[in-house]
């Protein structure tokens, strides 16, 4: 891996950290009364909730950054980590987080 590759990885991580810091915080879960129009609700550690749609200014960047376009490279990384001689703990942590959230 070149130093340019490392810079790309670090820059992407830094930008994602900054985006997460300005996005509606909490554990996002679906809810609502209509299955055809579920709501995304952020559940904070203090027990409060906020509808993510009501906080569009804070969440729009997050939603677009993690659009389906991210799935290809992300799944490729997880598969690569699964086939590696040593499992990357970060990849394993991400996989466990995803499995907790994905049906």
Protein backbone atom coordinates (compact mmCIF):
# COMPACT_ATOMS: atom_id res chain seq x y z
CA UNK A 1 0.00 0.00 0.00
CA UNK A 2 1.37 3.40 -0.96
CA UNK A 3 1.36 6.51 1.18
CA UNK A 4 -1.23 7.97 -1.24
CA UNK A 5 -3.50 4.97 -0.57
CA UNK A 6 -3.09 5.48 3.17
CA UNK A 7 -3.96 9.16 2.75
CA UNK A 8 -7.13 8.26 0.87
CA UNK A 9 -8.17 5.86 3.66
CA UNK A 10 -7.43 8.39 6.41
CA UNK A 11 -9.20 11.22 4.57
CA UNK A 12 -12.31 9.11 4.01
CA UNK A 13 -12.36 8.11 7.68
CA UNK A 14 -11.93 11.72 8.79
CA UNK A 15 -14.74 12.95 6.56
CA UNK A 16 -17.06 10.19 7.75
CA UNK A 17 -16.26 11.09 11.39
CA UNK A 18 -17.06 14.76 10.70
CA UNK A 19 -20.28 13.85 8.92
CA UNK A 20 -21.36 11.58 11.78
CA UNK A 21 -20.67 14.36 14.28
CA UNK A 22 -23.12 16.73 12.56
CA UNK A 23 -25.78 14.10 11.82
CA UNK A 24 -28.76 13.36 14.04
CA UNK A 25 -27.28 11.20 16.79
CA UNK A 26 -28.71 8.03 18.28
CA UNK A 27 -29.64 4.52 17.34
CA UNK A 28 -31.74 4.86 14.19
CA UNK A 29 -34.62 2.39 13.98
CA UNK A 30 -37.68 2.12 11.80
CA UNK A 31 -41.08 2.60 13.34
CA UNK A 32 -44.40 4.17 12.64
CA UNK A 33 -47.89 2.95 12.01
CA UNK A 34 -47.85 2.28 8.28
CA UNK A 35 -45.70 -0.53 6.94
CA UNK A 36 -45.79 1.12 3.53
CA UNK A 37 -44.37 4.37 4.95
CA UNK A 38 -42.06 3.53 7.83
CA UNK A 39 -40.46 6.31 9.80
CA UNK A 40 -36.84 6.43 10.87
CA UNK A 41 -36.53 7.40 14.51
CA UNK A 42 -33.29 8.24 16.30
CA UNK A 43 -33.24 6.88 19.86
CA UNK A 44 -30.81 8.75 22.11
CA UNK A 45 -29.03 7.25 25.12
CA UNK A 46 -31.10 9.45 27.46
CA UNK A 47 -34.33 7.89 26.17
CA UNK A 48 -35.41 10.78 23.96
CA UNK A 49 -36.34 10.25 20.32
CA UNK A 50 -36.30 12.36 17.19
CA UNK A 51 -37.80 11.63 13.80
CA UNK A 52 -34.88 11.66 11.40
CA UNK A 53 -37.04 13.17 8.65
CA UNK A 54 -37.64 16.19 10.88
CA UNK A 55 -33.89 16.72 11.09
CA UNK A 56 -33.19 16.66 7.36
CA UNK A 57 -30.53 19.34 7.57
CA UNK A 58 -28.48 17.07 9.79
CA UNK A 59 -29.23 13.76 8.12
CA UNK A 60 -29.28 14.46 4.38
CA UNK A 61 -25.50 14.30 4.09
CA UNK A 62 -25.38 11.04 6.00
CA UNK A 63 -28.07 9.44 3.85
CA UNK A 64 -26.42 10.46 0.60
CA UNK A 65 -22.93 9.48 1.79
CA UNK A 66 -24.14 6.00 2.71
CA UNK A 67 -26.38 5.51 -0.33
CA UNK A 68 -26.53 2.14 -2.12
CA UNK A 69 -23.48 3.23 -4.11
CA UNK A 70 -21.42 2.42 -1.01
CA UNK A 71 -22.62 -1.19 -0.89
CA UNK A 72 -20.31 -2.54 -3.60
CA UNK A 73 -17.02 -1.34 -2.13
CA UNK A 74 -18.19 -2.08 1.41
CA UNK A 75 -19.22 -5.65 0.66
CA UNK A 76 -16.00 -6.18 -1.28
CA UNK A 77 -14.02 -5.07 1.79
CA UNK A 78 -15.97 -7.40 4.08
CA UNK A 79 -15.45 -10.35 1.72
CA UNK A 80 -11.77 -9.52 1.41
CA UNK A 81 -11.46 -9.36 5.19
CA UNK A 82 -13.24 -12.71 5.51
CA UNK A 83 -10.72 -14.31 3.15
CA UNK A 84 -7.63 -12.74 4.76
CA UNK A 85 -5.20 -14.78 6.83
CA UNK A 86 -5.85 -12.48 9.80
CA UNK A 87 -9.32 -11.04 10.35
CA UNK A 88 -9.36 -7.25 10.52
CA UNK A 89 -11.07 -6.34 13.84
CA UNK A 90 -12.60 -3.23 12.26
CA UNK A 91 -14.20 -5.31 9.50
CA UNK A 92 -15.53 -7.78 12.06
CA UNK A 93 -16.96 -4.96 14.20
CA UNK A 94 -18.68 -3.48 11.16
CA UNK A 95 -20.06 -6.88 10.14
CA UNK A 96 -21.48 -7.46 13.62
CA UNK A 97 -23.06 -3.99 13.66
CA UNK A 98 -24.60 -4.57 10.25
CA UNK A 99 -25.95 -7.99 11.24
CA UNK A 100 -27.59 -6.44 14.30
CA UNK A 101 -29.39 -3.98 12.01
CA UNK A 102 -30.10 -5.96 8.85
CA UNK A 103 -32.93 -8.45 8.58
